[in-house]
Amino acid sequence: LHEHTHLYTSEKLIAFPGRRFKIDKTVPYNKKSLKELQVR
């Protein structure tokens, strides 16, 4: 994702020595975006 963001991404799921996640949504970091997510 970034030189100093030690997270990785792909279109297809692969085996990996760590945790794997499905990205359900990507939003900009701001108060409005978080409020719309309605995450408690």
PDB file of all heavy atoms in Angstrom:
ATOM      1  N   LEU A   1       0.830  -1.209   0.000  1.00  0.00           N
ATOM      2  CA  LEU A   1       0.000   0.000   0.000  1.00  0.00           C
ATOM      3  C   LEU A   1       0.864   1.259   0.000  1.00  0.00           C
ATOM      4  O   LEU A   1       0.463   2.287  -0.543  1.00  0.00           O
ATOM      5  CB  LEU A   1      -0.918   0.018   1.223  1.00  0.00           C
ATOM      6  CG  LEU A   1      -1.930  -1.127   1.348  1.00  0.00           C
ATOM      7  CD1 LEU A   1      -2.901  -0.843   2.485  1.00  0.00           C
ATOM      8  CD2 LEU A   1      -2.699  -1.337   0.049  1.00  0.00           C
ATOM      9  N   HIS A   2       2.041   1.175   0.625  1.00  0.00           N
ATOM     10  CA  HIS A   2       2.959   2.317   0.736  1.00  0.00           C
ATOM     11  C   HIS A   2       4.293   1.750   1.197  1.00  0.00           C
ATOM     12  O   HIS A   2       4.336   0.702   1.840  1.00  0.00           O
ATOM     13  CB  HIS A   2       2.406   3.335   1.748  1.00  0.00           C
ATOM     14  CG  HIS A   2       3.225   4.581   1.893  1.00  0.00           C
ATOM     15  ND1 HIS A   2       4.364   4.643   2.671  1.00  0.00           N
ATOM     16  CD2 HIS A   2       3.050   5.838   1.374  1.00  0.00           C
ATOM     17  CE1 HIS A   2       4.860   5.875   2.628  1.00  0.00           C
ATOM     18  NE2 HIS A   2       4.088   6.617   1.843  1.00  0.00           N
ATOM     19  N   GLU A   3       5.374   2.434   0.912  1.00  0.00           N
ATOM     20  CA  GLU A   3       6.697   1.962   1.313  1.00  0.00           C
ATOM     21  C   GLU A   3       6.776   1.652   2.804  1.00  0.00           C
ATOM     22  O   GLU A   3       7.410   0.688   3.226  1.00  0.00           O
ATOM     23  CB  GLU A   3       7.761   3.019   0.948  1.00  0.00           C
ATOM     24  CG  GLU A   3       9.187   2.645   1.349  1.00  0.00           C
ATOM     25  CD  GLU A   3       9.733   1.472   0.554  1.00  0.00           C
ATOM     26  OE1 GLU A   3       9.341   1.292  -0.613  1.00  0.00           O
ATOM     27  OE2 GLU A   3      10.574   0.732   1.122  1.00  0.00           O
ATOM     28  N   HIS A   4       6.117   2.456   3.624  1.00  0.00           N
ATOM     29  CA  HIS A   4       6.182   2.280   5.076  1.00  0.00           C
ATOM     30  C   HIS A   4       4.877   1.772   5.681  1.00  0.00           C
ATOM     31  O   HIS A   4       4.720   1.763   6.897  1.00  0.00           O
ATOM     32  CB  HIS A   4       6.594   3.594   5.736  1.00  0.00           C
ATOM     33  CG  HIS A   4       7.884   4.150   5.202  1.00  0.00           C
ATOM     34  ND1 HIS A   4       9.082   3.482   5.344  1.00  0.00           N
ATOM     35  CD2 HIS A   4       8.135   5.280   4.491  1.00  0.00           C
ATOM     36  CE1 HIS A   4      10.041   4.187   4.747  1.00  0.00           C
ATOM     37  NE2 HIS A   4       9.497   5.270   4.226  1.00  0.00           N
ATOM     38  N   THR A   5       3.947   1.367   4.829  1.00  0.00           N
ATOM     39  CA  THR A   5       2.713   0.725   5.292  1.00  0.00           C
ATOM     40  C   THR A   5       2.857  -0.755   4.974  1.00  0.00           C
ATOM     41  O   THR A   5       2.679  -1.176   3.840  1.00  0.00           O
ATOM     42  CB  THR A   5       1.472   1.305   4.574  1.00  0.00           C
ATOM     43  OG1 THR A   5       1.442   2.716   4.785  1.00  0.00           O
ATOM     44  CG2 THR A   5       0.189   0.683   5.118  1.00  0.00           C
ATOM     45  N   HIS A   6       3.192  -1.540   5.968  1.00  0.00           N
ATOM     46  CA  HIS A   6       3.558  -2.929   5.707  1.00  0.00           C
ATOM     47  C   HIS A   6       2.325  -3.829   5.628  1.00  0.00           C
ATOM     48  O   HIS A   6       2.156  -4.791   6.366  1.00  0.00           O
ATOM     49  CB  HIS A   6       4.550  -3.411   6.759  1.00  0.00           C
ATOM     50  CG  HIS A   6       5.781  -2.559   6.833  1.00  0.00           C
ATOM     51  ND1 HIS A   6       6.493  -2.197   5.699  1.00  0.00           N
ATOM     52  CD2 HIS A   6       6.404  -1.966   7.879  1.00  0.00           C
ATOM     53  CE1 HIS A   6       7.520  -1.434   6.054  1.00  0.00           C
ATOM     54  NE2 HIS A   6       7.478  -1.279   7.365  1.00  0.00           N
ATOM     55  N   LEU A   7       1.467  -3.475   4.680  1.00  0.00           N
ATOM     56  CA  LEU A   7       0.288  -4.255   4.320  1.00  0.00           C
ATOM     57  C   LEU A   7       0.326  -4.449   2.816  1.00  0.00           C
ATOM     58  O   LEU A   7       0.848  -3.603   2.079  1.00  0.00           O
ATOM     59  CB  LEU A   7      -1.001  -3.535   4.733  1.00  0.00           C
ATOM     60  CG  LEU A   7      -1.230  -3.342   6.237  1.00  0.00           C
ATOM     61  CD1 LEU A   7      -2.411  -2.409   6.474  1.00  0.00           C
ATOM     62  CD2 LEU A   7      -1.478  -4.684   6.924  1.00  0.00           C
ATOM     63  N   TYR A   8      -0.268  -5.544   2.350  1.00  0.00           N
ATOM     64  CA  TYR A   8      -0.159  -5.927   0.944  1.00  0.00           C
ATOM     65  C   TYR A   8      -1.546  -6.202   0.389  1.00  0.00           C
ATOM     66  O   TYR A   8      -2.484  -6.511   1.130  1.00  0.00           O
ATOM     67  CB  TYR A   8       0.743  -7.161   0.817  1.00  0.00           C
ATOM     68  CG  TYR A   8       2.117  -6.915   1.405  1.00  0.00           C
ATOM     69  CD1 TYR A   8       2.326  -6.993   2.783  1.00  0.00           C
ATOM     70  CD2 TYR A   8       3.192  -6.567   0.598  1.00  0.00           C
ATOM     71  CE1 TYR A   8       3.581  -6.730   3.335  1.00  0.00           C
ATOM     72  CE2 TYR A   8       4.452  -6.310   1.141  1.00  0.00           C
ATOM     73  CZ  TYR A   8       4.632  -6.391   2.520  1.00  0.00           C
ATOM     74  OH  TYR A   8       5.861  -6.122   3.062  1.00  0.00           O
ATOM     75  N   THR A   9      -1.655  -6.114  -0.934  1.00  0.00           N
ATOM     76  CA  THR A   9      -2.980  -6.262  -1.551  1.00  0.00           C
ATOM     77  C   THR A   9      -2.883  -7.022  -2.872  1.00  0.00           C
ATOM     78  O   THR A   9      -1.814  -7.075  -3.504  1.00  0.00           O
ATOM     79  CB  THR A   9      -3.626  -4.876  -1.765  1.00  0.00           C
ATOM     80  OG1 THR A   9      -4.995  -5.031  -2.128  1.00  0.00           O
ATOM     81  CG2 THR A   9      -2.891  -4.066  -2.821  1.00  0.00           C
ATOM     82  N   SER A  10      -4.011  -7.634  -3.263  1.00  0.00           N
ATOM     83  CA  SER A  10      -4.098  -8.345  -4.537  1.00  0.00           C
ATOM     84  C   SER A  10      -5.548  -8.457  -4.958  1.00  0.00           C
ATOM     85  O   SER A  10      -6.468  -8.271  -4.150  1.00  0.00           O
ATOM     86  CB  SER A  10      -3.488  -9.745  -4.423  1.00  0.00           C
ATOM     87  OG  SER A  10      -4.314 -10.574  -3.610  1.00  0.00           O
ATOM     88  N   GLU A  11      -5.753  -8.784  -6.235  1.00  0.00           N
ATOM     89  CA  GLU A  11      -7.114  -9.001  -6.741  1.00  0.00           C
ATOM     90  C   GLU A  11      -7.596 -10.408  -6.428  1.00  0.00           C
ATOM     91  O   GLU A  11      -8.772 -10.633  -6.146  1.00  0.00           O
ATOM     92  CB  GLU A  11      -7.167  -8.757  -8.254  1.00  0.00           C
ATOM     93  CG  GLU A  11      -7.073  -7.300  -8.663  1.00  0.00           C
ATOM     94  CD  GLU A  11      -8.279  -6.474  -8.243  1.00  0.00           C
ATOM     95  OE1 GLU A  11      -9.252  -7.048  -7.721  1.00  0.00           O
ATOM     96  OE2 GLU A  11      -8.239  -5.245  -8.420  1.00  0.00           O
ATOM     97  N   LYS A  12      -6.662 -11.392  -6.486  1.00  0.00           N
ATOM     98  CA  LYS A  12      -7.020 -12.784  -6.223  1.00  0.00           C
ATOM     99  C   LYS A  12      -6.463 -13.217  -4.872  1.00  0.00           C
ATOM    100  O   LYS A  12      -5.370 -12.806  -4.484  1.00  0.00           O
ATOM    101  CB  LYS A  12      -6.487 -13.692  -7.333  1.00  0.00           C
ATOM    102  CG  LYS A  12      -7.138 -13.450  -8.692  1.00  0.00           C
ATOM    103  CD  LYS A  12      -6.591 -14.418  -9.738  1.00  0.00           C
ATOM    104  CE  LYS A  12      -7.260 -14.198 -11.084  1.00  0.00           C
ATOM    105  NZ  LYS A  12      -6.749 -15.151 -12.111  1.00  0.00           N
ATOM    106  N   LEU A  13      -7.212 -14.069  -4.194  1.00  0.00           N
ATOM    107  CA  LEU A  13      -6.792 -14.542  -2.879  1.00  0.00           C
ATOM    108  C   LEU A  13      -5.678 -15.585  -3.019  1.00  0.00           C
ATOM    109  O   LEU A  13      -5.774 -16.503  -3.830  1.00  0.00           O
ATOM    110  CB  LEU A  13      -7.989 -15.162  -2.147  1.00  0.00           C
ATOM    111  CG  LEU A  13      -7.747 -15.627  -0.713  1.00  0.00           C
ATOM    112  CD1 LEU A  13      -7.425 -14.444   0.194  1.00  0.00           C
ATOM    113  CD2 LEU A  13      -8.960 -16.388  -0.185  1.00  0.00           C
ATOM    114  N   ILE A  14      -4.619 -15.435  -2.205  1.00  0.00           N
ATOM    115  CA  ILE A  14      -3.519 -16.391  -2.226  1.00  0.00           C
ATOM    116  C   ILE A  14      -3.215 -16.871  -0.801  1.00  0.00           C
ATOM    117  O   ILE A  14      -3.646 -16.268   0.179  1.00  0.00           O
ATOM    118  CB  ILE A  14      -2.237 -15.765  -2.828  1.00  0.00           C
ATOM    119  CG1 ILE A  14      -1.735 -14.612  -1.934  1.00  0.00           C
ATOM    120  CG2 ILE A  14      -2.463 -15.309  -4.258  1.00  0.00           C
ATOM    121  CD1 ILE A  14      -0.313 -14.185  -2.213  1.00  0.00           C
ATOM    122  N   ALA A  15      -2.460 -17.970  -0.691  1.00  0.00           N
ATOM    123  CA  ALA A  15      -1.959 -18.415   0.607  1.00  0.00           C
ATOM    124  C   ALA A  15      -0.890 -17.433   1.063  1.00  0.00           C
ATOM    125  O   ALA A  15      -0.096 -16.941   0.246  1.00  0.00           O
ATOM    126  CB  ALA A  15      -1.387 -19.825   0.495  1.00  0.00           C
ATOM    127  N   PHE A  16      -0.852 -17.154   2.387  1.00  0.00           N
ATOM    128  CA  PHE A  16       0.046 -16.113   2.880  1.00  0.00           C
ATOM    129  C   PHE A  16       0.374 -16.349   4.349  1.00  0.00           C
ATOM    130  O   PHE A  16      -0.503 -16.725   5.134  1.00  0.00           O
ATOM    131  CB  PHE A  16      -0.616 -14.738   2.715  1.00  0.00           C
ATOM    132  CG  PHE A  16       0.271 -13.579   3.079  1.00  0.00           C
ATOM    133  CD1 PHE A  16       1.249 -13.140   2.206  1.00  0.00           C
ATOM    134  CD2 PHE A  16       0.130 -12.939   4.306  1.00  0.00           C
ATOM    135  CE1 PHE A  16       2.082 -12.076   2.539  1.00  0.00           C
ATOM    136  CE2 PHE A  16       0.949 -11.872   4.654  1.00  0.00           C
ATOM    137  CZ  PHE A  16       1.929 -11.441   3.767  1.00  0.00           C
ATOM    138  N   PRO A  17       1.651 -16.144   4.760  1.00  0.00           N
ATOM    139  CA  PRO A  17       2.027 -16.339   6.164  1.00  0.00           C
ATOM    140  C   PRO A  17       1.644 -15.148   7.046  1.00  0.00           C
ATOM    141  O   PRO A  17       2.478 -14.367   7.479  1.00  0.00           O
ATOM    142  CB  PRO A  17       3.553 -16.509   6.083  1.00  0.00           C
ATOM    143  CG  PRO A  17       3.941 -15.711   4.895  1.00  0.00           C
ATOM    144  CD  PRO A  17       2.817 -15.860   3.906  1.00  0.00           C
ATOM    145  N   GLY A  18       0.373 -15.026   7.289  1.00  0.00           N
ATOM    146  CA  GLY A  18      -0.150 -13.936   8.103  1.00  0.00           C
ATOM    147  C   GLY A  18      -1.668 -13.932   8.025  1.00  0.00           C
ATOM    148  O   GLY A  18      -2.284 -14.921   7.627  1.00  0.00           O
ATOM    149  N   ARG A  19      -2.258 -12.810   8.379  1.00  0.00           N
ATOM    150  CA  ARG A  19      -3.726 -12.707   8.317  1.00  0.00           C
ATOM    151  C   ARG A  19      -4.170 -12.208   6.947  1.00  0.00           C
ATOM    152  O   ARG A  19      -3.508 -11.383   6.317  1.00  0.00           O
ATOM    153  CB  ARG A  19      -4.238 -11.764   9.410  1.00  0.00           C
ATOM    154  CG  ARG A  19      -3.940 -12.259  10.814  1.00  0.00           C
ATOM    155  CD  ARG A  19      -4.798 -11.527  11.843  1.00  0.00           C
ATOM    156  NE  ARG A  19      -4.554 -10.100  11.868  1.00  0.00           N
ATOM    157  CZ  ARG A  19      -5.267  -9.230  12.588  1.00  0.00           C
ATOM    158  NH1 ARG A  19      -6.275  -9.655  13.337  1.00  0.00           N
ATOM    159  NH2 ARG A  19      -4.985  -7.933  12.567  1.00  0.00           N
ATOM    160  N   ARG A  20      -5.335 -12.710   6.497  1.00  0.00           N
ATOM    161  CA  ARG A  20      -5.882 -12.328   5.205  1.00  0.00           C
ATOM    162  C   ARG A  20      -7.284 -11.745   5.400  1.00  0.00           C
ATOM    163  O   ARG A  20      -8.061 -12.235   6.222  1.00  0.00           O
ATOM    164  CB  ARG A  20      -5.947 -13.528   4.264  1.00  0.00           C
ATOM    165  CG  ARG A  20      -4.600 -14.218   4.055  1.00  0.00           C
ATOM    166  CD  ARG A  20      -4.711 -15.402   3.109  1.00  0.00           C
ATOM    167  NE  ARG A  20      -5.655 -16.409   3.584  1.00  0.00           N
ATOM    168  CZ  ARG A  20      -6.100 -17.429   2.860  1.00  0.00           C
ATOM    169  NH1 ARG A  20      -5.695 -17.563   1.604  1.00  0.00           N
ATOM    170  NH2 ARG A  20      -6.933 -18.307   3.376  1.00  0.00           N
ATOM    171  N   PHE A  21      -7.580 -10.704   4.631  1.00  0.00           N
ATOM    172  CA  PHE A  21      -8.859 -10.023   4.773  1.00  0.00           C
ATOM    173  C   PHE A  21      -9.462  -9.725   3.403  1.00  0.00           C
ATOM    174  O   PHE A  21      -8.742  -9.504   2.426  1.00  0.00           O
ATOM    175  CB  PHE A  21      -8.688  -8.690   5.515  1.00  0.00           C
ATOM    176  CG  PHE A  21      -8.118  -8.831   6.896  1.00  0.00           C
ATOM    177  CD1 PHE A  21      -6.739  -8.832   7.098  1.00  0.00           C
ATOM    178  CD2 PHE A  21      -8.946  -8.978   8.001  1.00  0.00           C
ATOM    179  CE1 PHE A  21      -6.206  -8.960   8.370  1.00  0.00           C
ATOM    180  CE2 PHE A  21      -8.426  -9.106   9.270  1.00  0.00           C
ATOM    181  CZ  PHE A  21      -7.048  -9.099   9.455  1.00  0.00           C
ATOM    182  N   LYS A  22     -10.768  -9.715   3.372  1.00  0.00           N
ATOM    183  CA  LYS A  22     -11.508  -9.217   2.197  1.00  0.00           C
ATOM    184  C   LYS A  22     -11.789  -7.738   2.452  1.00  0.00           C
ATOM    185  O   LYS A  22     -12.300  -7.369   3.506  1.00  0.00           O
ATOM    186  CB  LYS A  22     -12.823  -9.989   2.056  1.00  0.00           C
ATOM    187  CG  LYS A  22     -13.780  -9.427   1.022  1.00  0.00           C
ATOM    188  CD  LYS A  22     -13.356  -9.796  -0.377  1.00  0.00           C
ATOM    189  CE  LYS A  22     -14.481  -9.603  -1.391  1.00  0.00           C
ATOM    190  NZ  LYS A  22     -15.082  -8.259  -1.399  1.00  0.00           N
ATOM    191  N   ILE A  23     -11.392  -6.884   1.507  1.00  0.00           N
ATOM    192  CA  ILE A  23     -11.643  -5.449   1.645  1.00  0.00           C
ATOM    193  C   ILE A  23     -13.066  -5.164   1.157  1.00  0.00           C
ATOM    194  O   ILE A  23     -13.357  -5.228  -0.034  1.00  0.00           O
ATOM    195  CB  ILE A  23     -10.613  -4.617   0.851  1.00  0.00           C
ATOM    196  CG1 ILE A  23      -9.197  -4.944   1.324  1.00  0.00           C
ATOM    197  CG2 ILE A  23     -10.910  -3.124   1.004  1.00  0.00           C
ATOM    198  CD1 ILE A  23      -8.099  -4.259   0.535  1.00  0.00           C
ATOM    199  N   ASP A  24     -13.937  -4.864   2.089  1.00  0.00           N
ATOM    200  CA  ASP A  24     -15.337  -4.637   1.748  1.00  0.00           C
ATOM    201  C   ASP A  24     -15.601  -3.205   1.303  1.00  0.00           C
ATOM    202  O   ASP A  24     -16.512  -2.951   0.502  1.00  0.00           O
ATOM    203  CB  ASP A  24     -16.230  -4.965   2.961  1.00  0.00           C
ATOM    204  CG  ASP A  24     -16.077  -6.411   3.399  1.00  0.00           C
ATOM    205  OD1 ASP A  24     -16.128  -7.290   2.519  1.00  0.00           O
ATOM    206  OD2 ASP A  24     -15.884  -6.665   4.606  1.00  0.00           O
ATOM    207  N   LYS A  25     -14.796  -2.283   1.799  1.00  0.00           N
ATOM    208  CA  LYS A  25     -14.999  -0.879   1.454  1.00  0.00           C
ATOM    209  C   LYS A  25     -13.739  -0.097   1.778  1.00  0.00           C
ATOM    210  O   LYS A  25     -13.035  -0.387   2.744  1.00  0.00           O
ATOM    211  CB  LYS A  25     -16.181  -0.317   2.247  1.00  0.00           C
ATOM    212  CG  LYS A  25     -16.642   1.069   1.804  1.00  0.00           C
ATOM    213  CD  LYS A  25     -17.845   1.542   2.629  1.00  0.00           C
ATOM    214  CE  LYS A  25     -19.072   0.699   2.371  1.00  0.00           C
ATOM    215  NZ  LYS A  25     -20.261   1.250   3.064  1.00  0.00           N
ATOM    216  N   THR A  26     -13.458   0.903   0.947  1.00  0.00           N
ATOM    217  CA  THR A  26     -12.344   1.818   1.194  1.00  0.00           C
ATOM    218  C   THR A  26     -12.886   3.235   1.206  1.00  0.00           C
ATOM    219  O   THR A  26     -13.542   3.662   0.239  1.00  0.00           O
ATOM    220  CB  THR A  26     -11.260   1.685   0.106  1.00  0.00           C
ATOM    221  OG1 THR A  26     -10.797   0.333   0.064  1.00  0.00           O
ATOM    222  CG2 THR A  26     -10.091   2.604   0.400  1.00  0.00           C
ATOM    223  N   VAL A  27     -12.626   3.965   2.307  1.00  0.00           N
ATOM    224  CA  VAL A  27     -13.146   5.328   2.423  1.00  0.00           C
ATOM    225  C   VAL A  27     -12.032   6.253   2.893  1.00  0.00           C
ATOM    226  O   VAL A  27     -11.081   5.812   3.551  1.00  0.00           O
ATOM    227  CB  VAL A  27     -14.335   5.404   3.415  1.00  0.00           C
ATOM    228  CG1 VAL A  27     -15.500   4.547   2.927  1.00  0.00           C
ATOM    229  CG2 VAL A  27     -13.920   4.987   4.819  1.00  0.00           C
ATOM    230  N   PRO A  28     -12.122   7.537   2.571  1.00  0.00           N
ATOM    231  CA  PRO A  28     -11.117   8.483   3.066  1.00  0.00           C
ATOM    232  C   PRO A  28     -11.247   8.651   4.580  1.00  0.00           C
ATOM    233  O   PRO A  28     -12.331   8.447   5.144  1.00  0.00           O
ATOM    234  CB  PRO A  28     -11.459   9.779   2.321  1.00  0.00           C
ATOM    235  CG  PRO A  28     -12.894   9.639   1.933  1.00  0.00           C
ATOM    236  CD  PRO A  28     -13.118   8.180   1.686  1.00  0.00           C
ATOM    237  N   TYR A  29     -10.160   9.018   5.200  1.00  0.00           N
ATOM    238  CA  TYR A  29     -10.189   9.192   6.655  1.00  0.00           C
ATOM    239  C   TYR A  29     -10.719  10.578   6.998  1.00  0.00           C
ATOM    240  O   TYR A  29     -10.045  11.595   6.799  1.00  0.00           O
ATOM    241  CB  TYR A  29      -8.798   9.023   7.249  1.00  0.00           C
ATOM    242  CG  TYR A  29      -8.742   9.368   8.718  1.00  0.00           C
ATOM    243  CD1 TYR A  29      -9.462   8.634   9.649  1.00  0.00           C
ATOM    244  CD2 TYR A  29      -7.978  10.448   9.169  1.00  0.00           C
ATOM    245  CE1 TYR A  29      -9.423   8.952  10.995  1.00  0.00           C
ATOM    246  CE2 TYR A  29      -7.924  10.754  10.519  1.00  0.00           C
ATOM    247  CZ  TYR A  29      -8.663  10.023  11.425  1.00  0.00           C
ATOM    248  OH  TYR A  29      -8.627  10.343  12.760  1.00  0.00           O
ATOM    249  N   ASN A  30     -11.959  10.610   7.466  1.00  0.00           N
ATOM    250  CA  ASN A  30     -12.542  11.836   8.004  1.00  0.00           C
ATOM    251  C   ASN A  30     -13.769  11.475   8.848  1.00  0.00           C
ATOM    252  O   ASN A  30     -14.243  10.333   8.822  1.00  0.00           O
ATOM    253  CB  ASN A  30     -12.919  12.836   6.899  1.00  0.00           C
ATOM    254  CG  ASN A  30     -13.868  12.244   5.867  1.00  0.00           C
ATOM    255  OD1 ASN A  30     -14.909  11.703   6.204  1.00  0.00           O
ATOM    256  ND2 ASN A  30     -13.473  12.336   4.588  1.00  0.00           N
ATOM    257  N   LYS A  31     -14.255  12.439   9.581  1.00  0.00           N
ATOM    258  CA  LYS A  31     -15.352  12.199  10.517  1.00  0.00           C
ATOM    259  C   LYS A  31     -16.618  11.788   9.781  1.00  0.00           C
ATOM    260  O   LYS A  31     -17.366  10.897  10.219  1.00  0.00           O
ATOM    261  CB  LYS A  31     -15.604  13.454  11.348  1.00  0.00           C
ATOM    262  CG  LYS A  31     -16.526  13.241  12.533  1.00  0.00           C
ATOM    263  CD  LYS A  31     -16.566  14.467  13.420  1.00  0.00           C
ATOM    264  CE  LYS A  31     -17.427  14.205  14.645  1.00  0.00           C
ATOM    265  NZ  LYS A  31     -17.450  15.409  15.548  1.00  0.00           N
ATOM    266  N   LYS A  32     -16.852  12.385   8.621  1.00  0.00           N
ATOM    267  CA  LYS A  32     -18.059  12.090   7.855  1.00  0.00           C
ATOM    268  C   LYS A  32     -18.068  10.635   7.384  1.00  0.00           C
ATOM    269  O   LYS A  32     -19.081   9.925   7.500  1.00  0.00           O
ATOM    270  CB  LYS A  32     -18.166  13.037   6.656  1.00  0.00           C
ATOM    271  CG  LYS A  32     -19.411  12.810   5.797  1.00  0.00           C
ATOM    272  CD  LYS A  32     -19.412  13.726   4.588  1.00  0.00           C
ATOM    273  CE  LYS A  32     -20.621  13.431   3.694  1.00  0.00           C
ATOM    274  NZ  LYS A  32     -20.594  14.261   2.467  1.00  0.00           N
ATOM    275  N   SER A  33     -16.938  10.180   6.878  1.00  0.00           N
ATOM    276  CA  SER A  33     -16.851   8.800   6.383  1.00  0.00           C
ATOM    277  C   SER A  33     -17.113   7.794   7.496  1.00  0.00           C
ATOM    278  O   SER A  33     -17.848   6.812   7.311  1.00  0.00           O
ATOM    279  CB  SER A  33     -15.467   8.542   5.783  1.00  0.00           C
ATOM    280  OG  SER A  33     -15.260   9.345   4.653  1.00  0.00           O
ATOM    281  N   LEU A  34     -16.510   8.040   8.653  1.00  0.00           N
ATOM    282  CA  LEU A  34     -16.715   7.127   9.766  1.00  0.00           C
ATOM    283  C   LEU A  34     -18.148   7.140  10.259  1.00  0.00           C
ATOM    284  O   LEU A  34     -18.707   6.105  10.626  1.00  0.00           O
ATOM    285  CB  LEU A  34     -15.757   7.471  10.907  1.00  0.00           C
ATOM    286  CG  LEU A  34     -14.449   6.676  10.923  1.00  0.00           C
ATOM    287  CD1 LEU A  34     -13.475   7.255  11.913  1.00  0.00           C
ATOM    288  CD2 LEU A  34     -14.700   5.210  11.225  1.00  0.00           C
ATOM    289  N   LYS A  35     -18.750   8.309  10.270  1.00  0.00           N
ATOM    290  CA  LYS A  35     -20.146   8.415  10.708  1.00  0.00           C
ATOM    291  C   LYS A  35     -21.067   7.645   9.774  1.00  0.00           C
ATOM    292  O   LYS A  35     -21.986   6.952  10.214  1.00  0.00           O
ATOM    293  CB  LYS A  35     -20.556   9.887  10.772  1.00  0.00           C
ATOM    294  CG  LYS A  35     -21.918  10.123  11.412  1.00  0.00           C
ATOM    295  CD  LYS A  35     -22.214  11.596  11.550  1.00  0.00           C
ATOM    296  CE  LYS A  35     -23.583  11.802  12.217  1.00  0.00           C
ATOM    297  NZ  LYS A  35     -23.894  13.257  12.350  1.00  0.00           N
ATOM    298  N   GLU A  36     -20.797   7.716   8.490  1.00  0.00           N
ATOM    299  CA  GLU A  36     -21.613   7.008   7.502  1.00  0.00           C
ATOM    300  C   GLU A  36     -21.456   5.490   7.606  1.00  0.00           C
ATOM    301  O   GLU A  36     -22.372   4.736   7.264  1.00  0.00           O
ATOM    302  CB  GLU A  36     -21.256   7.483   6.095  1.00  0.00           C
ATOM    303  CG  GLU A  36     -21.723   8.900   5.797  1.00  0.00           C
ATOM    304  CD  GLU A  36     -21.263   9.401   4.431  1.00  0.00           C
ATOM    305  OE1 GLU A  36     -20.420   8.699   3.804  1.00  0.00           O
ATOM    306  OE2 GLU A  36     -21.713  10.486   4.015  1.00  0.00           O
ATOM    307  N   LEU A  37     -20.289   5.039   8.089  1.00  0.00           N
ATOM    308  CA  LEU A  37     -20.079   3.597   8.260  1.00  0.00           C
ATOM    309  C   LEU A  37     -20.934   3.016   9.382  1.00  0.00           C
ATOM    310  O   LEU A  37     -21.249   1.827   9.375  1.00  0.00           O
ATOM    311  CB  LEU A  37     -18.595   3.308   8.553  1.00  0.00           C
ATOM    312  CG  LEU A  37     -17.614   3.513   7.403  1.00  0.00           C
ATOM    313  CD1 LEU A  37     -16.190   3.311   7.886  1.00  0.00           C
ATOM    314  CD2 LEU A  37     -17.917   2.564   6.240  1.00  0.00           C
ATOM    315  N   GLN A  38     -21.284   3.869  10.348  1.00  0.00           N
ATOM    316  CA  GLN A  38     -22.122   3.462  11.483  1.00  0.00           C
ATOM    317  C   GLN A  38     -21.540   2.232  12.207  1.00  0.00           C
ATOM    318  O   GLN A  38     -22.245   1.273  12.508  1.00  0.00           O
ATOM    319  CB  GLN A  38     -23.561   3.172  11.037  1.00  0.00           C
ATOM    320  CG  GLN A  38     -24.272   4.398  10.468  1.00  0.00           C
ATOM    321  CD  GLN A  38     -25.710   4.107  10.079  1.00  0.00           C
ATOM    322  OE1 GLN A  38     -26.051   2.997   9.670  1.00  0.00           O
ATOM    323  NE2 GLN A  38     -26.570   5.108  10.200  1.00  0.00           N
ATOM    324  N   VAL A  39     -20.260   2.308  12.471  1.00  0.00           N
ATOM    325  CA  VAL A  39     -19.571   1.214  13.156  1.00  0.00           C
ATOM    326  C   VAL A  39     -19.516   1.508  14.659  1.00  0.00           C
ATOM    327  O   VAL A  39     -18.991   2.542  15.072  1.00  0.00           O
ATOM    328  CB  VAL A  39     -18.143   1.039  12.609  1.00  0.00           C
ATOM    329  CG1 VAL A  39     -17.387  -0.015  13.415  1.00  0.00           C
ATOM    330  CG2 VAL A  39     -18.190   0.649  11.138  1.00  0.00           C
ATOM    331  N   ARG A  40     -20.058   0.600  15.441  1.00  0.00           N
ATOM    332  CA  ARG A  40     -20.019   0.762  16.904  1.00  0.00           C
ATOM    333  C   ARG A  40     -18.957  -0.135  17.541  1.00  0.00           C
ATOM    334  O   ARG A  40     -18.384   0.196  18.566  1.00  0.00           O
ATOM    335  CB  ARG A  40     -21.395   0.443  17.506  1.00  0.00           C
ATOM    336  CG  ARG A  40     -22.473   1.455  17.127  1.00  0.00           C
ATOM    337  CD  ARG A  40     -23.770   1.163  17.897  1.00  0.00           C
ATOM    338  NE  ARG A  40     -24.789   2.166  17.639  1.00  0.00           N
ATOM    339  CZ  ARG A  40     -25.638   2.139  16.621  1.00  0.00           C
ATOM    340  NH1 ARG A  40     -25.580   1.140  15.758  1.00  0.00           N
ATOM    341  NH2 ARG A  40     -26.534   3.090  16.459  1.00  0.00           N
TER     342      ARG A  40
END
